[in-house]
Amino acid sequence: MKFSPCIGKCTDQGTHCEGCGRSHDEIAEMKKHVASLTTFAENMKYENIEDFANAVAGSIKYKMLGSH
């Protein structure tokens, strides 16, 4: 399955967003993980949020691409 990012045209009818095409369950799960990472960064009082976000993205890519 290919990831489709939010394009800012969210809908909540049916099972999938008409804007990005993702299921509402997938969107809710993603929001839960983002909220968790946001809370973690806030609790750590990181000042360099962009570096944190880039490090998380890099770790995800490393783990996903390294597993193939």
Protein backbone atom coordinates (compact mmCIF):
# COMPACT_ATOMS: atom_id res chain seq x y z
CA MET A 1 0.00 0.00 0.00
CA LYS A 2 1.27 3.47 -0.82
CA PHE A 3 1.04 6.24 1.79
CA SER A 4 -0.99 9.25 0.76
CA PRO A 5 -0.34 12.42 2.80
CA CYS A 6 -3.03 14.84 3.88
CA ILE A 7 -3.79 17.53 1.31
CA GLY A 8 -5.96 19.64 3.60
CA LYS A 9 -9.29 18.62 2.09
CA CYS A 10 -10.42 16.26 4.85
CA THR A 11 -13.79 14.56 4.88
CA ASP A 12 -15.31 12.29 7.50
CA GLN A 13 -18.07 10.61 5.51
CA GLY A 14 -17.80 6.94 4.52
CA THR A 15 -14.81 4.80 5.39
CA HIS A 16 -12.12 6.88 3.64
CA CYS A 17 -11.19 10.55 3.46
CA GLU A 18 -12.07 11.95 0.05
CA GLY A 19 -9.05 14.29 0.24
CA CYS A 20 -6.18 11.85 0.77
CA GLY A 21 -7.94 8.53 0.25
CA ARG A 22 -6.71 7.04 3.53
CA SER A 23 -9.11 5.15 5.77
CA HIS A 24 -10.40 7.01 8.79
CA ASP A 25 -8.93 4.23 10.95
CA GLU A 26 -5.47 4.79 9.42
CA ILE A 27 -5.74 8.55 9.95
CA ALA A 28 -6.79 8.06 13.59
CA GLU A 29 -3.89 5.66 14.23
CA MET A 30 -1.42 8.10 12.66
CA LYS A 31 -2.77 10.97 14.76
CA LYS A 32 -2.31 8.84 17.89
CA HIS A 33 1.37 8.18 17.08
CA VAL A 34 2.06 11.82 16.17
CA ALA A 35 0.42 12.96 19.42
CA SER A 36 2.60 10.53 21.36
CA LEU A 37 5.79 11.78 19.71
CA THR A 38 4.70 15.39 20.23
CA THR A 39 4.08 14.77 23.93
CA PHE A 40 7.48 13.07 24.22
CA ALA A 41 9.26 16.03 22.58
CA GLU A 42 7.38 18.49 24.81
CA ASN A 43 8.24 16.50 27.95
CA MET A 44 11.90 16.43 26.92
CA LYS A 45 11.69 20.20 26.32
CA TYR A 46 13.45 19.89 22.97
CA GLU A 47 14.20 23.29 21.46
CA ASN A 48 15.28 21.89 18.10
CA ILE A 49 11.99 20.32 17.01
CA GLU A 50 12.98 20.15 13.35
CA ASP A 51 16.05 18.07 14.23
CA PHE A 52 13.89 15.77 16.37
CA ALA A 53 11.31 15.31 13.59
CA ASN A 54 14.05 14.64 11.02
CA ALA A 55 15.70 12.10 13.34
CA VAL A 56 12.40 10.27 13.84
CA ALA A 57 11.78 10.23 10.08
CA GLY A 58 15.33 8.98 9.48
CA SER A 59 14.92 6.21 12.06
CA ILE A 60 11.69 5.06 10.45
CA LYS A 61 13.27 5.02 6.99
CA TYR A 62 16.33 3.15 8.30
CA LYS A 63 14.23 0.48 10.01
CA MET A 64 11.82 0.09 7.08
CA LEU A 65 14.43 0.02 4.32
CA GLY A 66 16.86 -2.03 6.37
CA SER A 67 14.28 -4.77 6.89
CA HIS A 68 14.10 -5.62 3.17
